[in-house]
Amino acid sequence: MGMTAPNLSLDARGLLCPLPVLKARKALKPLVPGALLELLADDPAAIVDVPHFCMESGHELVSQAEVDGYQVYVIRKAG
């Protein structure tokens, strides 16, 4: 079947931390538990901040990848 498409994609490239995490938190709020958020970020600090945010808030960091000089995170909303 392959990867499930995210319910929402958020482009936070060009933003410095903590903005990518703050925007991710805001984007996750209205989503249903189990929904997937794709987050694009190019701030090197996001590599630390995003997994930390997921751990703190209980969301699951499904995947983390580097593409063309930016990171792509997939976060599953906590249920």
C-alpha atoms as a PDB file:
ATOM      1  CA  MET A   1       0.000   0.000   0.000  1.00  0.00           C
ATOM      2  CA  GLY A   2       2.871   2.420   0.713  1.00  0.00           C
ATOM      3  CA  MET A   3       2.843   5.579   2.770  1.00  0.00           C
ATOM      4  CA  THR A   4      -0.437   7.155   3.804  1.00  0.00           C
ATOM      5  CA  ALA A   5      -0.725  10.710   2.549  1.00  0.00           C
ATOM      6  CA  PRO A   6      -0.659  13.294   5.336  1.00  0.00           C
ATOM      7  CA  ASN A   7      -3.940  14.991   6.221  1.00  0.00           C
ATOM      8  CA  LEU A   8      -2.198  18.355   6.222  1.00  0.00           C
ATOM      9  CA  SER A   9       1.104  19.705   4.951  1.00  0.00           C
ATOM     10  CA  LEU A  10       2.760  22.674   6.628  1.00  0.00           C
ATOM     11  CA  ASP A  11       5.645  24.514   4.972  1.00  0.00           C
ATOM     12  CA  ALA A  12       7.740  26.169   7.686  1.00  0.00           C
ATOM     13  CA  ARG A  13      10.847  26.577   5.522  1.00  0.00           C
ATOM     14  CA  GLY A  14      12.567  29.908   6.025  1.00  0.00           C
ATOM     15  CA  LEU A  15      11.272  30.165   9.603  1.00  0.00           C
ATOM     16  CA  LEU A  16      13.561  30.023  12.610  1.00  0.00           C
ATOM     17  CA  CYS A  17      12.796  28.024  15.747  1.00  0.00           C
ATOM     18  CA  PRO A  18      10.599  28.040  17.650  1.00  0.00           C
ATOM     19  CA  LEU A  19       8.268  29.064  14.793  1.00  0.00           C
ATOM     20  CA  PRO A  20       8.142  25.682  12.973  1.00  0.00           C
ATOM     21  CA  VAL A  21       7.150  23.947  16.228  1.00  0.00           C
ATOM     22  CA  LEU A  22       4.636  26.651  17.173  1.00  0.00           C
ATOM     23  CA  LYS A  23       3.046  26.429  13.730  1.00  0.00           C
ATOM     24  CA  ALA A  24       2.971  22.621  13.942  1.00  0.00           C
ATOM     25  CA  ARG A  25       1.266  22.784  17.347  1.00  0.00           C
ATOM     26  CA  LYS A  26      -1.364  25.177  15.952  1.00  0.00           C
ATOM     27  CA  ALA A  27      -1.888  23.027  12.831  1.00  0.00           C
ATOM     28  CA  LEU A  28      -2.344  19.845  14.889  1.00  0.00           C
ATOM     29  CA  LYS A  29      -5.026  21.340  17.191  1.00  0.00           C
ATOM     30  CA  PRO A  30      -8.041  21.013  14.862  1.00  0.00           C
ATOM     31  CA  LEU A  31      -6.972  17.619  13.457  1.00  0.00           C
ATOM     32  CA  VAL A  32      -8.560  14.396  14.668  1.00  0.00           C
ATOM     33  CA  PRO A  33      -6.442  12.026  16.794  1.00  0.00           C
ATOM     34  CA  GLY A  34      -4.317   9.821  14.537  1.00  0.00           C
ATOM     35  CA  ALA A  35      -4.254  12.406  11.745  1.00  0.00           C
ATOM     36  CA  LEU A  36      -0.896  12.981  10.043  1.00  0.00           C
ATOM     37  CA  LEU A  37       0.809  16.345   9.705  1.00  0.00           C
ATOM     38  CA  GLU A  38       3.683  16.783   7.287  1.00  0.00           C
ATOM     39  CA  LEU A  39       6.047  19.552   8.375  1.00  0.00           C
ATOM     40  CA  LEU A  40       8.729  21.028   6.130  1.00  0.00           C
ATOM     41  CA  ALA A  41      11.511  22.962   7.868  1.00  0.00           C
ATOM     42  CA  ASP A  42      15.014  24.121   7.023  1.00  0.00           C
ATOM     43  CA  ASP A  43      16.128  25.508  10.388  1.00  0.00           C
ATOM     44  CA  PRO A  44      18.905  23.207  11.713  1.00  0.00           C
ATOM     45  CA  ALA A  45      17.458  23.628  15.237  1.00  0.00           C
ATOM     46  CA  ALA A  46      14.244  21.904  14.076  1.00  0.00           C
ATOM     47  CA  ILE A  47      16.148  18.591  14.018  1.00  0.00           C
ATOM     48  CA  VAL A  48      16.251  18.831  17.830  1.00  0.00           C
ATOM     49  CA  ASP A  49      13.086  20.879  18.432  1.00  0.00           C
ATOM     50  CA  VAL A  50      10.565  18.796  16.462  1.00  0.00           C
ATOM     51  CA  PRO A  51      11.318  15.404  18.099  1.00  0.00           C
ATOM     52  CA  HIS A  52      11.423  17.162  21.492  1.00  0.00           C
ATOM     53  CA  PHE A  53       8.029  18.783  20.819  1.00  0.00           C
ATOM     54  CA  CYS A  54       6.564  15.362  19.891  1.00  0.00           C
ATOM     55  CA  MET A  55       7.958  13.745  23.037  1.00  0.00           C
ATOM     56  CA  GLU A  56       6.654  16.567  25.245  1.00  0.00           C
ATOM     57  CA  SER A  57       3.191  16.679  23.708  1.00  0.00           C
ATOM     58  CA  GLY A  58       2.689  12.946  23.201  1.00  0.00           C
ATOM     59  CA  HIS A  59       2.446  13.130  19.410  1.00  0.00           C
ATOM     60  CA  GLU A  60       4.252  10.437  17.436  1.00  0.00           C
ATOM     61  CA  LEU A  61       7.121  11.380  15.136  1.00  0.00           C
ATOM     62  CA  VAL A  62       6.380   8.893  12.359  1.00  0.00           C
ATOM     63  CA  SER A  63       9.284   9.835  10.124  1.00  0.00           C
ATOM     64  CA  GLN A  64      12.050  12.357   9.679  1.00  0.00           C
ATOM     65  CA  ALA A  65      13.922  12.775   6.396  1.00  0.00           C
ATOM     66  CA  GLU A  66      16.305  15.177   4.708  1.00  0.00           C
ATOM     67  CA  VAL A  67      15.301  16.288   1.189  1.00  0.00           C
ATOM     68  CA  ASP A  68      17.125  18.877  -0.941  1.00  0.00           C
ATOM     69  CA  GLY A  69      18.547  20.759   2.045  1.00  0.00           C
ATOM     70  CA  TYR A  70      15.415  20.771   4.197  1.00  0.00           C
ATOM     71  CA  GLN A  71      13.757  18.325   6.573  1.00  0.00           C
ATOM     72  CA  VAL A  72      10.423  16.598   6.179  1.00  0.00           C
ATOM     73  CA  TYR A  73       8.725  15.419   9.380  1.00  0.00           C
ATOM     74  CA  VAL A  74       5.539  13.395   9.601  1.00  0.00           C
ATOM     75  CA  ILE A  75       3.781  13.758  12.943  1.00  0.00           C
ATOM     76  CA  ARG A  76       0.804  11.652  14.048  1.00  0.00           C
ATOM     77  CA  LYS A  77      -1.536  13.520  16.358  1.00  0.00           C
ATOM     78  CA  ALA A  78      -1.887  11.984  19.819  1.00  0.00           C
ATOM     79  CA  GLY A  79      -5.198  10.363  20.545  1.00  0.00           C
END
